[in-house]
């Protein structure tokens, strides 16, 4: 699986994208969830799928981002593509 993700990272540039970052994350059992000031152990919601990691990729346009996302190895699930939400500066 590690080799597949290394190949994916190399392919991002071949599609004109730029890999800005990414990490694997621990399973949902290690989560601490917050709702207001209340903290609780475990995931916030029960779901059959959990996020195992993320990549932050810069792409020229949505079509390029889709092409890159389809390359991502996701042996135990799928890939979700989302734009980064712009935030006001100042």
PDB file of N, CA and C in Angstrom:
ATOM      1  N   UNK A   1       0.828  -1.192   0.000  1.00  0.00           N
ATOM      2  CA  UNK A   1       0.000   0.000   0.000  1.00  0.00           C
ATOM      3  C   UNK A   1       0.874   1.259   0.000  1.00  0.00           C
ATOM      4  N   UNK A   2       1.972   1.221   0.748  1.00  0.00           N
ATOM      5  CA  UNK A   2       2.875   2.366   0.798  1.00  0.00           C
ATOM      6  C   UNK A   2       3.429   2.680  -0.593  1.00  0.00           C
ATOM      7  N   UNK A   3       3.801   1.645  -1.332  1.00  0.00           N
ATOM      8  CA  UNK A   3       4.331   1.838  -2.691  1.00  0.00           C
ATOM      9  C   UNK A   3       3.275   2.451  -3.606  1.00  0.00           C
ATOM     10  N   UNK A   4       2.015   2.043  -3.441  1.00  0.00           N
ATOM     11  CA  UNK A   4       0.938   2.599  -4.267  1.00  0.00           C
ATOM     12  C   UNK A   4       0.773   4.091  -4.009  1.00  0.00           C
ATOM     13  N   UNK A   5       0.903   4.506  -2.760  1.00  0.00           N
ATOM     14  CA  UNK A   5       0.782   5.930  -2.443  1.00  0.00           C
ATOM     15  C   UNK A   5       2.008   6.712  -2.926  1.00  0.00           C
ATOM     16  N   UNK A   6       3.159   6.098  -2.934  1.00  0.00           N
ATOM     17  CA  UNK A   6       4.339   6.752  -3.501  1.00  0.00           C
ATOM     18  C   UNK A   6       4.163   6.973  -5.004  1.00  0.00           C
ATOM     19  N   UNK A   7       3.615   5.973  -5.694  1.00  0.00           N
ATOM     20  CA  UNK A   7       3.334   6.121  -7.133  1.00  0.00           C
ATOM     21  C   UNK A   7       2.333   7.248  -7.364  1.00  0.00           C
ATOM     22  N   UNK A   8       1.286   7.280  -6.530  1.00  0.00           N
ATOM     23  CA  UNK A   8       0.282   8.333  -6.661  1.00  0.00           C
ATOM     24  C   UNK A   8       0.931   9.706  -6.522  1.00  0.00           C
ATOM     25  N   UNK A   9       1.774   9.894  -5.519  1.00  0.00           N
ATOM     26  CA  UNK A   9       2.441  11.180  -5.298  1.00  0.00           C
ATOM     27  C   UNK A   9       3.255  11.588  -6.519  1.00  0.00           C
ATOM     28  N   UNK A  10       3.902  10.642  -7.160  1.00  0.00           N
ATOM     29  CA  UNK A  10       4.678  10.935  -8.367  1.00  0.00           C
ATOM     30  C   UNK A  10       3.767  11.309  -9.540  1.00  0.00           C
ATOM     31  N   UNK A  11       2.601  10.678  -9.624  1.00  0.00           N
ATOM     32  CA  UNK A  11       1.679  10.920 -10.736  1.00  0.00           C
ATOM     33  C   UNK A  11       1.019  12.293 -10.669  1.00  0.00           C
ATOM     34  N   UNK A  12       0.888  12.857  -9.478  1.00  0.00           N
ATOM     35  CA  UNK A  12       0.232  14.165  -9.339  1.00  0.00           C
ATOM     36  C   UNK A  12       0.907  15.186 -10.248  1.00  0.00           C
ATOM     37  N   UNK A  13       2.230  15.247 -10.230  1.00  0.00           N
ATOM     38  CA  UNK A  13       2.969  16.181 -11.084  1.00  0.00           C
ATOM     39  C   UNK A  13       2.817  15.876 -12.561  1.00  0.00           C
ATOM     40  N   UNK A  14       2.699  14.603 -12.892  1.00  0.00           N
ATOM     41  CA  UNK A  14       2.503  14.218 -14.295  1.00  0.00           C
ATOM     42  C   UNK A  14       1.193  14.771 -14.849  1.00  0.00           C
ATOM     43  N   UNK A  15       0.234  15.033 -13.981  1.00  0.00           N
ATOM     44  CA  UNK A  15      -1.057  15.593 -14.389  1.00  0.00           C
ATOM     45  C   UNK A  15      -1.093  17.109 -14.244  1.00  0.00           C
ATOM     46  N   UNK A  16       0.053  17.702 -13.955  1.00  0.00           N
ATOM     47  CA  UNK A  16       0.112  19.151 -13.822  1.00  0.00           C
ATOM     48  C   UNK A  16      -0.316  19.662 -12.466  1.00  0.00           C
ATOM     49  N   UNK A  17      -0.526  18.768 -11.509  1.00  0.00           N
ATOM     50  CA  UNK A  17      -0.913  19.173 -10.165  1.00  0.00           C
ATOM     51  C   UNK A  17       0.305  19.318  -9.276  1.00  0.00           C
ATOM     52  N   UNK A  18       0.071  19.778  -8.069  1.00  0.00           N
ATOM     53  CA  UNK A  18       1.139  19.941  -7.094  1.00  0.00           C
ATOM     54  C   UNK A  18       0.673  19.370  -5.760  1.00  0.00           C
ATOM     55  N   UNK A  19       1.439  18.431  -5.226  1.00  0.00           N
ATOM     56  CA  UNK A  19       1.123  17.835  -3.936  1.00  0.00           C
ATOM     57  C   UNK A  19       1.630  18.771  -2.851  1.00  0.00           C
ATOM     58  N   UNK A  20       0.713  19.381  -2.104  1.00  0.00           N
ATOM     59  CA  UNK A  20       1.066  20.360  -1.084  1.00  0.00           C
ATOM     60  C   UNK A  20       1.242  19.725   0.285  1.00  0.00           C
ATOM     61  N   UNK A  21       0.695  18.542   0.495  1.00  0.00           N
ATOM     62  CA  UNK A  21       0.824  17.864   1.773  1.00  0.00           C
ATOM     63  C   UNK A  21      -0.119  16.693   1.858  1.00  0.00           C
ATOM     64  N   UNK A  22      -0.004  15.959   2.921  1.00  0.00           N
ATOM     65  CA  UNK A  22      -0.875  14.826   3.151  1.00  0.00           C
ATOM     66  C   UNK A  22      -0.318  13.983   4.273  1.00  0.00           C
ATOM     67  N   UNK A  23      -1.189  13.320   4.978  1.00  0.00           N
ATOM     68  CA  UNK A  23      -0.794  12.473   6.097  1.00  0.00           C
ATOM     69  C   UNK A  23      -1.817  11.363   6.287  1.00  0.00           C
ATOM     70  N   UNK A  24      -1.353  10.260   6.834  1.00  0.00           N
ATOM     71  CA  UNK A  24      -2.268   9.229   7.317  1.00  0.00           C
ATOM     72  C   UNK A  24      -2.735   9.685   8.695  1.00  0.00           C
ATOM     73  N   UNK A  25      -3.938   9.320   9.059  1.00  0.00           N
ATOM     74  CA  UNK A  25      -4.423   9.680  10.393  1.00  0.00           C
ATOM     75  C   UNK A  25      -4.827   8.409  11.135  1.00  0.00           C
ATOM     76  N   UNK A  26      -4.845   8.490  12.446  1.00  0.00           N
ATOM     77  CA  UNK A  26      -5.175   7.346  13.292  1.00  0.00           C
ATOM     78  C   UNK A  26      -6.656   6.983  13.130  1.00  0.00           C
ATOM     79  N   UNK A  27      -7.036   5.753  13.491  1.00  0.00           N
ATOM     80  CA  UNK A  27      -8.429   5.328  13.348  1.00  0.00           C
ATOM     81  C   UNK A  27      -9.388   6.127  14.232  1.00  0.00           C
ATOM     82  N   UNK A  28     -10.662   6.052  13.904  1.00  0.00           N
ATOM     83  CA  UNK A  28     -11.670   6.837  14.621  1.00  0.00           C
ATOM     84  C   UNK A  28     -11.740   6.502  16.107  1.00  0.00           C
ATOM     85  N   UNK A  29     -11.312   5.309  16.505  1.00  0.00           N
ATOM     86  CA  UNK A  29     -11.335   4.945  17.925  1.00  0.00           C
ATOM     87  C   UNK A  29     -10.418   5.842  18.755  1.00  0.00           C
ATOM     88  N   UNK A  30      -9.469   6.514  18.121  1.00  0.00           N
ATOM     89  CA  UNK A  30      -8.546   7.401  18.837  1.00  0.00           C
ATOM     90  C   UNK A  30      -9.060   8.839  18.893  1.00  0.00           C
ATOM     91  N   UNK A  31     -10.206   9.093  18.308  1.00  0.00           N
ATOM     92  CA  UNK A  31     -10.730  10.458  18.200  1.00  0.00           C
ATOM     93  C   UNK A  31     -11.224  10.996  19.538  1.00  0.00           C
ATOM     94  N   UNK A  32     -11.122  12.290  19.680  1.00  0.00           N
ATOM     95  CA  UNK A  32     -11.795  13.032  20.745  1.00  0.00           C
ATOM     96  C   UNK A  32     -12.680  14.029  20.022  1.00  0.00           C
ATOM     97  N   UNK A  33     -13.966  13.998  20.291  1.00  0.00           N
ATOM     98  CA  UNK A  33     -14.916  14.867  19.598  1.00  0.00           C
ATOM     99  C   UNK A  33     -15.356  15.998  20.523  1.00  0.00           C
ATOM    100  N   UNK A  34     -15.624  17.136  19.927  1.00  0.00           N
ATOM    101  CA  UNK A  34     -16.064  18.304  20.681  1.00  0.00           C
ATOM    102  C   UNK A  34     -17.398  18.780  20.146  1.00  0.00           C
ATOM    103  N   UNK A  35     -18.281  19.070  21.056  1.00  0.00           N
ATOM    104  CA  UNK A  35     -19.565  19.678  20.727  1.00  0.00           C
ATOM    105  C   UNK A  35     -19.717  20.821  21.709  1.00  0.00           C
ATOM    106  N   UNK A  36     -19.444  22.038  21.220  1.00  0.00           N
ATOM    107  CA  UNK A  36     -19.382  23.181  22.129  1.00  0.00           C
ATOM    108  C   UNK A  36     -18.199  23.001  23.058  1.00  0.00           C
ATOM    109  N   UNK A  37     -18.433  23.102  24.353  1.00  0.00           N
ATOM    110  CA  UNK A  37     -17.363  22.936  25.335  1.00  0.00           C
ATOM    111  C   UNK A  37     -17.271  21.505  25.851  1.00  0.00           C
ATOM    112  N   UNK A  38     -18.160  20.637  25.392  1.00  0.00           N
ATOM    113  CA  UNK A  38     -18.212  19.237  25.841  1.00  0.00           C
ATOM    114  C   UNK A  38     -17.297  18.384  24.973  1.00  0.00           C
ATOM    115  N   UNK A  39     -16.368  17.650  25.590  1.00  0.00           N
ATOM    116  CA  UNK A  39     -15.481  16.732  24.878  1.00  0.00           C
ATOM    117  C   UNK A  39     -15.862  15.302  25.228  1.00  0.00           C
ATOM    118  N   UNK A  40     -15.754  14.407  24.232  1.00  0.00           N
ATOM    119  CA  UNK A  40     -16.018  12.995  24.494  1.00  0.00           C
ATOM    120  C   UNK A  40     -15.053  12.158  23.672  1.00  0.00           C
ATOM    121  N   UNK A  41     -14.698  10.987  24.189  1.00  0.00           N
ATOM    122  CA  UNK A  41     -13.834  10.079  23.452  1.00  0.00           C
ATOM    123  C   UNK A  41     -14.621   9.438  22.324  1.00  0.00           C
ATOM    124  N   UNK A  42     -13.923   9.159  21.239  1.00  0.00           N
ATOM    125  CA  UNK A  42     -14.536   8.466  20.111  1.00  0.00           C
ATOM    126  C   UNK A  42     -14.988   9.419  19.026  1.00  0.00           C
ATOM    127  N   UNK A  43     -15.416   8.840  17.922  1.00  0.00           N
ATOM    128  CA  UNK A  43     -15.820   9.663  16.777  1.00  0.00           C
ATOM    129  C   UNK A  43     -17.092  10.446  17.059  1.00  0.00           C
ATOM    130  N   UNK A  44     -17.263  11.525  16.327  1.00  0.00           N
ATOM    131  CA  UNK A  44     -18.424  12.398  16.478  1.00  0.00           C
ATOM    132  C   UNK A  44     -19.693  11.715  15.988  1.00  0.00           C
ATOM    133  N   UNK A  45     -19.578  10.984  14.889  1.00  0.00           N
ATOM    134  CA  UNK A  45     -20.737  10.293  14.325  1.00  0.00           C
ATOM    135  C   UNK A  45     -20.362   8.840  14.038  1.00  0.00           C
ATOM    136  N   UNK A  46     -21.353   7.997  13.998  1.00  0.00           N
ATOM    137  CA  UNK A  46     -21.141   6.613  13.617  1.00  0.00           C
ATOM    138  C   UNK A  46     -21.280   6.525  12.106  1.00  0.00           C
ATOM    139  N   UNK A  47     -20.289   5.950  11.467  1.00  0.00           N
ATOM    140  CA  UNK A  47     -20.311   5.832  10.021  1.00  0.00           C
ATOM    141  C   UNK A  47     -19.596   4.559   9.606  1.00  0.00           C
ATOM    142  N   UNK A  48     -20.037   3.914   8.523  1.00  0.00           N
ATOM    143  CA  UNK A  48     -19.357   2.691   8.094  1.00  0.00           C
ATOM    144  C   UNK A  48     -17.990   2.978   7.460  1.00  0.00           C
ATOM    145  N   UNK A  49     -17.755   4.189   7.013  1.00  0.00           N
ATOM    146  CA  UNK A  49     -16.477   4.565   6.415  1.00  0.00           C
ATOM    147  C   UNK A  49     -15.820   5.642   7.260  1.00  0.00           C
ATOM    148  N   UNK A  50     -14.521   5.606   7.341  1.00  0.00           N
ATOM    149  CA  UNK A  50     -13.794   6.605   8.115  1.00  0.00           C
ATOM    150  C   UNK A  50     -12.653   7.159   7.276  1.00  0.00           C
ATOM    151  N   UNK A  51     -12.295   8.381   7.521  1.00  0.00           N
ATOM    152  CA  UNK A  51     -11.167   8.997   6.827  1.00  0.00           C
ATOM    153  C   UNK A  51      -9.885   8.388   7.377  1.00  0.00           C
ATOM    154  N   UNK A  52      -9.040   7.890   6.493  1.00  0.00           N
ATOM    155  CA  UNK A  52      -7.779   7.267   6.909  1.00  0.00           C
ATOM    156  C   UNK A  52      -6.591   8.193   6.676  1.00  0.00           C
ATOM    157  N   UNK A  53      -6.803   9.222   5.889  1.00  0.00           N
ATOM    158  CA  UNK A  53      -5.736  10.164   5.595  1.00  0.00           C
ATOM    159  C   UNK A  53      -6.231  11.200   4.609  1.00  0.00           C
ATOM    160  N   UNK A  54      -5.356  12.099   4.255  1.00  0.00           N
ATOM    161  CA  UNK A  54      -5.743  13.139   3.304  1.00  0.00           C
ATOM    162  C   UNK A  54      -4.543  13.567   2.479  1.00  0.00           C
ATOM    163  N   UNK A  55      -4.819  14.106   1.331  1.00  0.00           N
ATOM    164  CA  UNK A  55      -3.841  14.772   0.479  1.00  0.00           C
ATOM    165  C   UNK A  55      -4.369  16.166   0.205  1.00  0.00           C
ATOM    166  N   UNK A  56      -3.487  17.139   0.195  1.00  0.00           N
ATOM    167  CA  UNK A  56      -3.826  18.499  -0.205  1.00  0.00           C
ATOM    168  C   UNK A  56      -3.115  18.735  -1.526  1.00  0.00           C
ATOM    169  N   UNK A  57      -3.899  18.895  -2.573  1.00  0.00           N
ATOM    170  CA  UNK A  57      -3.363  18.992  -3.929  1.00  0.00           C
ATOM    171  C   UNK A  57      -3.843  20.270  -4.585  1.00  0.00           C
ATOM    172  N   UNK A  58      -2.938  20.926  -5.270  1.00  0.00           N
ATOM    173  CA  UNK A  58      -3.290  22.108  -6.061  1.00  0.00           C
ATOM    174  C   UNK A  58      -3.402  21.670  -7.513  1.00  0.00           C
ATOM    175  N   UNK A  59      -4.525  21.973  -8.133  1.00  0.00           N
ATOM    176  CA  UNK A  59      -4.754  21.594  -9.525  1.00  0.00           C
ATOM    177  C   UNK A  59      -5.236  22.811 -10.304  1.00  0.00           C
ATOM    178  N   UNK A  60      -4.996  22.795 -11.593  1.00  0.00           N
ATOM    179  CA  UNK A  60      -5.347  23.928 -12.457  1.00  0.00           C
ATOM    180  C   UNK A  60      -6.855  24.163 -12.508  1.00  0.00           C
ATOM    181  N   UNK A  61      -7.631  23.087 -12.464  1.00  0.00           N
ATOM    182  CA  UNK A  61      -9.082  23.212 -12.556  1.00  0.00           C
ATOM    183  C   UNK A  61      -9.734  21.945 -12.004  1.00  0.00           C
ATOM    184  N   UNK A  62     -11.047  21.939 -11.966  1.00  0.00           N
ATOM    185  CA  UNK A  62     -11.786  20.814 -11.402  1.00  0.00           C
ATOM    186  C   UNK A  62     -11.559  19.527 -12.187  1.00  0.00           C
ATOM    187  N   UNK A  63     -11.496  19.615 -13.505  1.00  0.00           N
ATOM    188  CA  UNK A  63     -11.275  18.412 -14.307  1.00  0.00           C
ATOM    189  C   UNK A  63      -9.927  17.777 -13.989  1.00  0.00           C
ATOM    190  N   UNK A  64      -8.896  18.591 -13.816  1.00  0.00           N
ATOM    191  CA  UNK A  64      -7.580  18.073 -13.454  1.00  0.00           C
ATOM    192  C   UNK A  64      -7.626  17.456 -12.068  1.00  0.00           C
ATOM    193  N   UNK A  65      -8.296  18.115 -11.128  1.00  0.00           N
ATOM    194  CA  UNK A  65      -8.425  17.579  -9.773  1.00  0.00           C
ATOM    195  C   UNK A  65      -9.144  16.228  -9.792  1.00  0.00           C
ATOM    196  N   UNK A  66     -10.178  16.098 -10.616  1.00  0.00           N
ATOM    197  CA  UNK A  66     -10.895  14.826 -10.727  1.00  0.00           C
ATOM    198  C   UNK A  66      -9.989  13.734 -11.282  1.00  0.00           C
ATOM    199  N   UNK A  67      -9.212  14.056 -12.296  1.00  0.00           N
ATOM    200  CA  UNK A  67      -8.309  13.074 -12.889  1.00  0.00           C
ATOM    201  C   UNK A  67      -7.275  12.606 -11.864  1.00  0.00           C
ATOM    202  N   UNK A  68      -6.754  13.534 -11.085  1.00  0.00           N
ATOM    203  CA  UNK A  68      -5.778  13.182 -10.051  1.00  0.00           C
ATOM    204  C   UNK A  68      -6.435  12.344  -8.956  1.00  0.00           C
ATOM    205  N   UNK A  69      -7.624  12.727  -8.526  1.00  0.00           N
ATOM    206  CA  UNK A  69      -8.318  11.994  -7.462  1.00  0.00           C
ATOM    207  C   UNK A  69      -8.579  10.546  -7.865  1.00  0.00           C
ATOM    208  N   UNK A  70      -8.869  10.319  -9.128  1.00  0.00           N
ATOM    209  CA  UNK A  70      -9.137   8.955  -9.590  1.00  0.00           C
ATOM    210  C   UNK A  70      -7.895   8.075  -9.527  1.00  0.00           C
ATOM    211  N   UNK A  71      -6.709   8.665  -9.460  1.00  0.00           N
ATOM    212  CA  UNK A  71      -5.470   7.906  -9.365  1.00  0.00           C
ATOM    213  C   UNK A  71      -5.164   7.448  -7.943  1.00  0.00           C
ATOM    214  N   UNK A  72      -5.762   8.081  -6.967  1.00  0.00           N
ATOM    215  CA  UNK A  72      -5.423   7.830  -5.569  1.00  0.00           C
ATOM    216  C   UNK A  72      -5.813   6.416  -5.153  1.00  0.00           C
ATOM    217  N   UNK A  73      -4.849   5.648  -4.629  1.00  0.00           N
ATOM    218  CA  UNK A  73      -5.186   4.285  -4.182  1.00  0.00           C
ATOM    219  C   UNK A  73      -6.021   4.338  -2.910  1.00  0.00           C
ATOM    220  N   UNK A  74      -7.160   3.730  -2.952  1.00  0.00           N
ATOM    221  CA  UNK A  74      -8.054   3.695  -1.787  1.00  0.00           C
ATOM    222  C   UNK A  74      -8.566   2.264  -1.646  1.00  0.00           C
ATOM    223  N   UNK A  75      -7.672   1.381  -1.246  1.00  0.00           N
ATOM    224  CA  UNK A  75      -7.953  -0.046  -1.197  1.00  0.00           C
ATOM    225  C   UNK A  75      -9.158  -0.397  -0.326  1.00  0.00           C
ATOM    226  N   UNK A  76      -9.369   0.340   0.747  1.00  0.00           N
ATOM    227  CA  UNK A  76     -10.419  -0.019   1.693  1.00  0.00           C
ATOM    228  C   UNK A  76     -11.596   0.947   1.676  1.00  0.00           C
ATOM    229  N   UNK A  77     -11.725   1.750   0.642  1.00  0.00           N
ATOM    230  CA  UNK A  77     -12.831   2.705   0.595  1.00  0.00           C
ATOM    231  C   UNK A  77     -12.787   3.493  -0.690  1.00  0.00           C
ATOM    232  N   UNK A  78     -13.111   4.758  -0.601  1.00  0.00           N
ATOM    233  CA  UNK A  78     -13.147   5.611  -1.772  1.00  0.00           C
ATOM    234  C   UNK A  78     -12.383   6.887  -1.531  1.00  0.00           C
ATOM    235  N   UNK A  79     -12.488   7.767  -2.468  1.00  0.00           N
ATOM    236  CA  UNK A  79     -11.818   9.063  -2.414  1.00  0.00           C
ATOM    237  C   UNK A  79     -12.892  10.139  -2.497  1.00  0.00           C
ATOM    238  N   UNK A  80     -12.785  11.130  -1.648  1.00  0.00           N
ATOM    239  CA  UNK A  80     -13.697  12.269  -1.680  1.00  0.00           C
ATOM    240  C   UNK A  80     -12.892  13.491  -2.075  1.00  0.00           C
ATOM    241  N   UNK A  81     -13.346  14.190  -3.077  1.00  0.00           N
ATOM    242  CA  UNK A  81     -12.675  15.396  -3.578  1.00  0.00           C
ATOM    243  C   UNK A  81     -13.447  16.609  -3.091  1.00  0.00           C
ATOM    244  N   UNK A  82     -12.749  17.515  -2.429  1.00  0.00           N
ATOM    245  CA  UNK A  82     -13.385  18.752  -1.959  1.00  0.00           C
ATOM    246  C   UNK A  82     -12.463  19.932  -2.222  1.00  0.00           C
ATOM    247  N   UNK A  83     -13.030  21.066  -2.609  1.00  0.00           N
ATOM    248  CA  UNK A  83     -12.209  22.274  -2.711  1.00  0.00           C
ATOM    249  C   UNK A  83     -11.929  22.837  -1.324  1.00  0.00           C
ATOM    250  N   UNK A  84     -10.826  23.552  -1.203  1.00  0.00           N
ATOM    251  CA  UNK A  84     -10.536  24.260   0.040  1.00  0.00           C
ATOM    252  C   UNK A  84     -11.390  25.503   0.070  1.00  0.00           C
ATOM    253  N   UNK A  85     -12.052  25.740   1.176  1.00  0.00           N
ATOM    254  CA  UNK A  85     -12.934  26.898   1.302  1.00  0.00           C
ATOM    255  C   UNK A  85     -12.076  28.152   1.533  1.00  0.00           C
ATOM    256  N   UNK A  86     -12.259  29.162   0.704  1.00  0.00           N
ATOM    257  CA  UNK A  86     -11.521  30.403   0.925  1.00  0.00           C
ATOM    258  C   UNK A  86     -11.965  31.064   2.230  1.00  0.00           C
ATOM    259  N   UNK A  87     -11.036  31.651   2.930  1.00  0.00           N
ATOM    260  CA  UNK A  87     -11.359  32.364   4.154  1.00  0.00           C
ATOM    261  C   UNK A  87     -10.916  33.811   4.015  1.00  0.00           C
ATOM    262  N   UNK A  88     -11.682  34.721   4.564  1.00  0.00           N
ATOM    263  CA  UNK A  88     -11.303  36.123   4.454  1.00  0.00           C
ATOM    264  C   UNK A  88     -10.024  36.411   5.252  1.00  0.00           C
ATOM    265  N   UNK A  89      -9.214  37.270   4.716  1.00  0.00           N
ATOM    266  CA  UNK A  89      -7.969  37.656   5.386  1.00  0.00           C
ATOM    267  C   UNK A  89      -8.197  39.004   6.048  1.00  0.00           C
ATOM    268  N   UNK A  90      -7.716  39.124   7.264  1.00  0.00           N
ATOM    269  CA  UNK A  90      -7.803  40.430   7.906  1.00  0.00           C
ATOM    270  C   UNK A  90      -8.648  40.428   9.049  1.00  0.00           C
TER     271      UNK A  90
END
